[in-house]
């Protein structure tokens, strides 16, 4: 499974970073950096929480 970002929807609020910091980081310019996209089984719950918590629905998990 992989996480993907819709850059046209992302506003860089950083909720995803606070929930899954191994995957997401908001840089000094407010842009979201995707640190890694492949999700291991033991990481799935935290990434799912980050995806569900995104207020702009900019994140998705794909297989």
N, C-alpha and C. Protein backbone atom coordinates (compact mmCIF):
# COMPACT_ATOMS: atom_id res chain seq x y z
N UNK A 1 0.84 -1.18 0.00
CA UNK A 1 0.00 0.00 0.00
C UNK A 1 0.88 1.24 0.00
N UNK A 2 0.33 2.31 -0.56
CA UNK A 2 1.06 3.57 -0.65
C UNK A 2 0.14 4.72 -0.26
N UNK A 3 0.75 5.77 0.24
CA UNK A 3 0.01 6.99 0.50
C UNK A 3 0.34 7.99 -0.61
N UNK A 4 -0.68 8.70 -1.07
CA UNK A 4 -0.49 9.70 -2.11
C UNK A 4 -1.11 11.02 -1.65
N UNK A 5 -0.54 12.11 -2.16
CA UNK A 5 -0.98 13.46 -1.81
C UNK A 5 -1.53 14.15 -3.05
N UNK A 6 -2.71 14.72 -2.93
CA UNK A 6 -3.27 15.56 -3.98
C UNK A 6 -2.80 16.99 -3.66
N UNK A 7 -1.77 17.42 -4.33
CA UNK A 7 -1.16 18.72 -4.06
C UNK A 7 -2.12 19.88 -4.32
N UNK A 8 -3.11 19.68 -5.17
CA UNK A 8 -4.06 20.76 -5.44
C UNK A 8 -5.01 20.99 -4.26
N UNK A 9 -5.12 20.01 -3.36
CA UNK A 9 -6.00 20.14 -2.19
C UNK A 9 -5.24 20.46 -0.91
N UNK A 10 -3.96 20.10 -0.84
CA UNK A 10 -3.19 20.24 0.40
C UNK A 10 -2.93 21.71 0.71
N UNK A 11 -3.19 22.09 1.96
CA UNK A 11 -2.93 23.46 2.40
C UNK A 11 -1.80 23.54 3.42
N UNK A 12 -1.18 22.40 3.73
CA UNK A 12 -0.02 22.39 4.63
C UNK A 12 -0.34 22.66 6.08
N UNK A 13 -1.51 22.25 6.55
CA UNK A 13 -1.89 22.48 7.94
C UNK A 13 -1.03 21.68 8.92
N UNK A 14 -0.57 20.51 8.52
CA UNK A 14 0.34 19.73 9.35
C UNK A 14 -0.30 18.73 10.28
N UNK A 15 -1.59 18.51 10.17
CA UNK A 15 -2.23 17.51 11.01
C UNK A 15 -1.64 16.13 10.71
N UNK A 16 -1.43 15.85 9.44
CA UNK A 16 -0.86 14.56 9.05
C UNK A 16 0.54 14.38 9.65
N UNK A 17 1.31 15.45 9.67
CA UNK A 17 2.66 15.38 10.24
C UNK A 17 2.60 15.04 11.73
N UNK A 18 1.65 15.60 12.44
CA UNK A 18 1.54 15.33 13.87
C UNK A 18 1.11 13.90 14.15
N UNK A 19 0.41 13.27 13.20
CA UNK A 19 -0.09 11.91 13.40
C UNK A 19 0.82 10.84 12.81
N UNK A 20 1.57 11.17 11.78
CA UNK A 20 2.43 10.18 11.10
C UNK A 20 3.71 10.89 10.61
N UNK A 21 4.54 11.28 11.55
CA UNK A 21 5.72 12.08 11.23
C UNK A 21 6.77 11.34 10.41
N UNK A 22 6.70 10.03 10.35
CA UNK A 22 7.64 9.28 9.51
C UNK A 22 7.28 9.42 8.03
N UNK A 23 6.06 9.88 7.75
CA UNK A 23 5.58 9.99 6.38
C UNK A 23 5.47 11.43 5.89
N UNK A 24 5.11 12.34 6.78
CA UNK A 24 4.77 13.70 6.37
C UNK A 24 5.59 14.73 7.14
N UNK A 25 5.94 15.79 6.43
CA UNK A 25 6.59 16.93 7.06
C UNK A 25 6.19 18.19 6.29
N UNK A 26 5.84 19.22 7.03
CA UNK A 26 5.54 20.51 6.41
C UNK A 26 6.81 21.35 6.50
N UNK A 27 7.29 21.82 5.35
CA UNK A 27 8.54 22.57 5.35
C UNK A 27 8.30 24.03 5.74
N UNK A 28 9.37 24.81 5.76
CA UNK A 28 9.29 26.20 6.21
C UNK A 28 8.40 27.06 5.32
N UNK A 29 8.18 26.64 4.09
CA UNK A 29 7.32 27.37 3.17
C UNK A 29 5.85 26.94 3.25
N UNK A 30 5.57 25.96 4.13
CA UNK A 30 4.20 25.46 4.27
C UNK A 30 3.83 24.39 3.28
N UNK A 31 4.83 23.84 2.57
CA UNK A 31 4.57 22.78 1.60
C UNK A 31 4.75 21.42 2.27
N UNK A 32 3.87 20.50 1.93
CA UNK A 32 3.95 19.15 2.50
C UNK A 32 4.99 18.33 1.76
N UNK A 33 5.90 17.75 2.52
CA UNK A 33 6.88 16.82 1.98
C UNK A 33 6.43 15.41 2.32
N UNK A 34 6.39 14.55 1.33
CA UNK A 34 6.08 13.14 1.54
C UNK A 34 7.41 12.43 1.75
N UNK A 35 7.69 12.05 2.98
CA UNK A 35 9.00 11.48 3.33
C UNK A 35 9.15 10.05 2.82
N UNK A 36 8.06 9.32 2.81
CA UNK A 36 8.03 7.98 2.21
C UNK A 36 6.59 7.68 1.83
N UNK A 37 6.43 6.84 0.82
CA UNK A 37 5.07 6.55 0.36
C UNK A 37 4.64 5.12 0.63
N UNK A 38 5.57 4.19 0.70
CA UNK A 38 5.22 2.79 0.95
C UNK A 38 4.89 2.59 2.43
N UNK A 39 3.76 1.94 2.67
CA UNK A 39 3.28 1.73 4.03
C UNK A 39 3.45 0.27 4.43
N UNK A 40 4.19 0.04 5.49
CA UNK A 40 4.32 -1.31 6.04
C UNK A 40 3.07 -1.62 6.88
N UNK A 41 2.81 -2.89 7.08
CA UNK A 41 1.61 -3.30 7.82
C UNK A 41 1.54 -2.64 9.20
N UNK A 42 2.66 -2.56 9.90
CA UNK A 42 2.65 -2.00 11.25
C UNK A 42 2.49 -0.47 11.26
N UNK A 43 2.57 0.18 10.10
CA UNK A 43 2.41 1.63 10.00
C UNK A 43 1.02 2.04 9.51
N UNK A 44 0.24 1.08 9.07
CA UNK A 44 -1.02 1.37 8.41
C UNK A 44 -2.00 2.15 9.29
N UNK A 45 -2.11 1.80 10.55
CA UNK A 45 -3.08 2.46 11.42
C UNK A 45 -2.78 3.95 11.57
N UNK A 46 -1.52 4.31 11.74
CA UNK A 46 -1.20 5.73 11.91
C UNK A 46 -1.40 6.51 10.61
N UNK A 47 -1.10 5.90 9.47
CA UNK A 47 -1.31 6.58 8.20
C UNK A 47 -2.80 6.71 7.91
N UNK A 48 -3.57 5.69 8.22
CA UNK A 48 -5.03 5.78 8.05
C UNK A 48 -5.61 6.92 8.89
N UNK A 49 -5.11 7.06 10.11
CA UNK A 49 -5.59 8.15 10.97
C UNK A 49 -5.24 9.51 10.38
N UNK A 50 -4.04 9.64 9.83
CA UNK A 50 -3.62 10.89 9.20
C UNK A 50 -4.50 11.20 7.98
N UNK A 51 -4.78 10.17 7.17
CA UNK A 51 -5.62 10.35 5.99
C UNK A 51 -7.03 10.78 6.40
N UNK A 52 -7.58 10.13 7.39
CA UNK A 52 -8.94 10.45 7.84
C UNK A 52 -9.02 11.81 8.51
N UNK A 53 -7.91 12.29 9.07
CA UNK A 53 -7.90 13.56 9.79
C UNK A 53 -7.61 14.76 8.89
N UNK A 54 -7.28 14.51 7.65
CA UNK A 54 -6.96 15.61 6.73
C UNK A 54 -8.23 16.40 6.41
N UNK A 55 -8.30 17.67 6.81
CA UNK A 55 -9.54 18.43 6.59
C UNK A 55 -9.81 18.78 5.13
N UNK A 56 -8.78 18.72 4.29
CA UNK A 56 -8.97 19.04 2.87
C UNK A 56 -9.07 17.80 2.00
N UNK A 57 -9.02 16.62 2.62
CA UNK A 57 -9.10 15.33 1.91
C UNK A 57 -8.03 15.22 0.83
N UNK A 58 -6.81 15.67 1.15
CA UNK A 58 -5.71 15.67 0.20
C UNK A 58 -4.93 14.37 0.20
N UNK A 59 -5.20 13.49 1.14
CA UNK A 59 -4.44 12.25 1.28
C UNK A 59 -5.30 11.04 0.95
N UNK A 60 -4.66 10.04 0.32
CA UNK A 60 -5.34 8.77 0.01
C UNK A 60 -4.35 7.63 0.21
N UNK A 61 -4.88 6.47 0.49
CA UNK A 61 -4.10 5.25 0.52
C UNK A 61 -4.53 4.42 -0.68
N UNK A 62 -3.55 3.98 -1.46
CA UNK A 62 -3.84 3.16 -2.64
C UNK A 62 -3.05 1.86 -2.54
N UNK A 63 -3.55 0.84 -3.23
CA UNK A 63 -2.83 -0.45 -3.21
C UNK A 63 -1.96 -0.61 -4.43
